[in-house]
Amino acid sequence: MVFLIGTENFHKAMKIYFERFAWGNTELKDLMDVFQESLGELSQEHPALDITRWNSDWLGTPGTNTISLNWTSGESKGVFT
């Protein structure tokens, strides 16, 4: 999560989370909502910053990640999927 949203936003989110839910019970959704909230408008800049999707992809999907590279011979770049 730190890598995805950055150290500053992570610290900001954790501060909000612990202040908001001090001495109470929470669910994972509460933490994910605070992460999304801490990103503010930044979350609209790239689909990777969609915390709901990140939660589903990383925490809700069993198994290991698969990364593949699609490229065409003679071109200097490819696309990771």
Protein backbone atom coordinates (compact mmCIF):
# COMPACT_ATOMS: atom_id res chain seq x y z
CA MET A 1 0.00 0.00 0.00
CA VAL A 2 2.88 2.39 0.78
CA PHE A 3 4.29 1.80 -2.69
CA LEU A 4 0.90 2.43 -4.31
CA ILE A 5 -0.15 5.63 -2.53
CA GLY A 6 3.20 6.94 -1.29
CA THR A 7 4.64 7.33 2.19
CA GLU A 8 3.07 10.73 2.87
CA ASN A 9 -0.45 9.61 1.92
CA PHE A 10 -0.01 6.36 3.84
CA HIS A 11 0.95 8.22 7.02
CA LYS A 12 -1.91 10.66 6.51
CA ALA A 13 -4.39 7.79 6.10
CA MET A 14 -3.14 5.92 9.15
CA LYS A 15 -3.41 9.07 11.30
CA ILE A 16 -7.01 9.61 10.14
CA TYR A 17 -7.85 5.94 10.65
CA PHE A 18 -6.54 5.74 14.22
CA GLU A 19 -8.13 9.04 15.22
CA ARG A 20 -11.49 8.16 13.69
CA PHE A 21 -11.73 4.62 15.04
CA ALA A 22 -9.87 4.93 18.35
CA TRP A 23 -11.15 2.43 20.90
CA GLY A 24 -13.71 1.04 18.46
CA ASN A 25 -14.18 -1.94 16.22
CA THR A 26 -13.58 -1.71 12.50
CA GLU A 27 -13.67 -3.75 9.33
CA LEU A 28 -11.17 -3.88 6.49
CA LYS A 29 -13.55 -1.69 4.48
CA ASP A 30 -13.10 1.11 7.04
CA LEU A 31 -9.35 1.12 6.46
CA MET A 32 -9.72 0.93 2.67
CA ASP A 33 -12.20 3.84 2.75
CA VAL A 34 -9.70 5.96 4.68
CA PHE A 35 -6.97 5.14 2.17
CA GLN A 36 -9.27 6.18 -0.69
CA GLU A 37 -10.27 9.34 1.18
CA SER A 38 -6.65 10.28 1.88
CA LEU A 39 -5.87 10.22 -1.85
CA GLY A 40 -8.56 12.80 -2.57
CA GLU A 41 -8.57 13.95 -6.19
CA LEU A 42 -5.31 12.12 -6.82
CA SER A 43 -7.35 8.90 -6.98
CA GLN A 44 -8.94 10.13 -10.23
CA GLU A 45 -5.58 10.44 -11.99
CA HIS A 46 -4.94 6.74 -12.60
CA PRO A 47 -7.02 3.54 -12.38
CA ALA A 48 -4.28 1.92 -10.24
CA LEU A 49 -5.21 4.33 -7.45
CA ASP A 50 -8.67 2.82 -7.12
CA ILE A 51 -8.38 1.36 -3.62
CA THR A 52 -11.52 -0.77 -4.02
CA ARG A 53 -9.99 -2.45 -7.05
CA TRP A 54 -6.62 -2.80 -5.30
CA ASN A 55 -8.36 -4.44 -2.35
CA SER A 56 -10.14 -6.89 -4.64
CA ASP A 57 -7.06 -7.65 -6.74
CA TRP A 58 -4.50 -7.97 -3.92
CA LEU A 59 -6.46 -9.07 -0.89
CA GLY A 60 -9.56 -10.69 -2.33
CA THR A 61 -8.04 -12.80 -5.09
CA PRO A 62 -6.22 -16.00 -4.12
CA GLY A 63 -3.07 -17.10 -5.87
CA THR A 64 0.04 -15.45 -7.17
CA ASN A 65 0.20 -12.55 -9.56
CA THR A 66 1.03 -13.11 -13.21
CA ILE A 67 2.79 -10.48 -15.25
CA SER A 68 3.22 -10.73 -19.01
CA LEU A 69 4.87 -8.52 -21.59
CA ASN A 70 3.42 -8.02 -25.06
CA TRP A 71 5.85 -6.63 -27.62
CA THR A 72 6.42 -6.58 -31.33
CA SER A 73 9.78 -7.44 -32.86
CA GLY A 74 11.63 -4.33 -33.98
CA GLU A 75 9.85 -1.98 -31.55
CA SER A 76 11.60 -0.44 -28.58
CA LYS A 77 8.73 -0.76 -26.12
CA GLY A 78 6.19 -3.28 -24.91
CA VAL A 79 3.07 -3.37 -22.77
CA PHE A 80 2.89 -5.11 -19.40
CA THR A 81 -0.44 -6.77 -18.59
